[in-house]
Amino acid sequence: MDFAPIRIEVDEDMSAWRAEIPGKVMATAEALTGPTTPEGARVQVHNAPGAEVGPGQIATWGRATTDRADAFGFTWDRSGKSSKHFPFGWTGPT
């Protein structure tokens, strides 16, 4: 087990999101827009079936501008591939 700070940022307008574990993982993504989305809107799925974070959430789709890691025996570079953002909250027993 290893402890490390995790930094996560999500733009208020959902245009981009970022995550970093310094020296181990770096991920950045830009939200997709398309010819059928209104100006300033994002490509999203509401209440996606089988969502990792449970029912009722909104998935915002994007493209990974940076997605690479070299940590804990895993190495990858998936920059340019697809990305998605789901809001979630972790809580434990009280």
Protein backbone atom coordinates (compact mmCIF):
# COMPACT_ATOMS: atom_id res chain seq x y z
CA MET A 1 0.00 0.00 0.00
CA ASP A 2 1.16 3.51 -0.78
CA PHE A 3 -0.31 6.86 0.17
CA ALA A 4 -0.32 9.75 -2.31
CA PRO A 5 -2.20 13.00 -2.81
CA ILE A 6 -4.84 12.92 -5.54
CA ARG A 7 -5.74 16.18 -7.26
CA ILE A 8 -9.01 16.39 -9.19
CA GLU A 9 -10.45 19.44 -10.96
CA VAL A 10 -13.66 19.71 -12.97
CA ASP A 11 -14.58 22.90 -14.82
CA GLU A 12 -17.93 24.35 -13.69
CA ASP A 13 -19.23 24.24 -17.26
CA MET A 14 -18.02 20.62 -17.69
CA SER A 15 -15.78 21.64 -20.61
CA ALA A 16 -12.77 19.80 -19.13
CA TRP A 17 -11.59 17.71 -16.19
CA ARG A 18 -8.21 16.73 -14.76
CA ALA A 19 -6.79 14.21 -12.28
CA GLU A 20 -3.23 13.75 -11.05
CA ILE A 21 -1.28 11.63 -8.64
CA PRO A 22 2.02 13.54 -8.76
CA GLY A 23 4.81 11.50 -10.35
CA LYS A 24 2.49 8.56 -11.05
CA VAL A 25 -0.67 9.42 -13.02
CA MET A 26 -1.72 12.37 -15.17
CA ALA A 27 -5.11 12.58 -16.90
CA THR A 28 -6.80 15.50 -18.64
CA ALA A 29 -9.87 15.50 -20.88
CA GLU A 30 -11.97 17.89 -22.95
CA ALA A 31 -15.73 17.42 -23.24
CA LEU A 32 -17.19 16.53 -26.61
CA THR A 33 -19.60 18.79 -28.43
CA GLY A 34 -21.27 17.95 -31.68
CA PRO A 35 -23.38 19.15 -34.57
CA THR A 36 -26.59 18.17 -32.77
CA THR A 37 -25.75 19.76 -29.40
CA PRO A 38 -26.80 23.35 -28.69
CA GLU A 39 -24.09 26.02 -28.41
CA GLY A 40 -22.15 25.47 -25.14
CA ALA A 41 -23.80 22.10 -24.46
CA ARG A 42 -21.89 18.86 -23.86
CA VAL A 43 -22.47 15.35 -25.17
CA GLN A 44 -24.13 13.68 -22.17
CA VAL A 45 -26.12 10.58 -21.25
CA HIS A 46 -28.69 10.93 -18.47
CA ASN A 47 -29.38 7.93 -16.19
CA ALA A 48 -26.98 5.66 -18.09
CA PRO A 49 -27.83 1.96 -17.62
CA GLY A 50 -25.19 0.03 -15.69
CA ALA A 51 -23.40 3.22 -14.60
CA GLU A 52 -20.39 2.58 -12.37
CA VAL A 53 -21.62 5.16 -9.84
CA GLY A 54 -25.26 4.08 -9.65
CA PRO A 55 -28.53 5.17 -11.24
CA GLY A 56 -29.64 8.72 -11.87
CA GLN A 57 -26.27 10.24 -12.78
CA ILE A 58 -25.22 12.20 -15.86
CA ALA A 59 -22.22 11.00 -17.90
CA THR A 60 -20.34 13.70 -19.82
CA TRP A 61 -18.33 12.28 -22.73
CA GLY A 62 -14.94 13.61 -23.75
CA ARG A 63 -11.55 12.94 -25.32
CA ALA A 64 -8.50 12.30 -23.17
CA THR A 65 -5.91 14.94 -24.03
CA THR A 66 -3.48 13.29 -21.60
CA ASP A 67 -3.87 9.87 -19.97
CA ARG A 68 -0.68 8.21 -18.84
CA ALA A 69 0.61 6.39 -15.83
CA ASP A 70 3.67 4.59 -14.55
CA ALA A 71 2.85 3.35 -11.08
CA PHE A 72 2.32 0.18 -9.08
CA GLY A 73 3.44 -2.03 -11.98
CA PHE A 74 1.04 -0.43 -14.48
CA THR A 75 2.19 1.64 -17.45
CA TRP A 76 -0.06 3.15 -20.10
CA ASP A 77 -0.56 6.08 -22.43
CA ARG A 78 -4.13 6.36 -23.68
CA SER A 79 -3.94 10.01 -24.74
CA GLY A 80 -6.39 10.76 -27.55
CA LYS A 81 -8.81 7.99 -26.52
CA SER A 82 -12.32 8.43 -25.15
CA SER A 83 -13.07 9.65 -21.64
CA LYS A 84 -16.17 10.19 -19.52
CA HIS A 85 -16.96 12.03 -16.33
CA PHE A 86 -19.53 10.82 -13.77
CA PRO A 87 -20.13 12.86 -10.61
CA PHE A 88 -19.99 10.74 -7.45
CA GLY A 89 -19.49 10.98 -3.71
CA TRP A 90 -17.77 8.48 -1.45
CA THR A 91 -18.95 8.10 2.10
CA GLY A 92 -18.34 5.43 4.65
CA PRO A 93 -20.15 4.15 7.68
CA THR A 94 -20.90 6.76 10.31
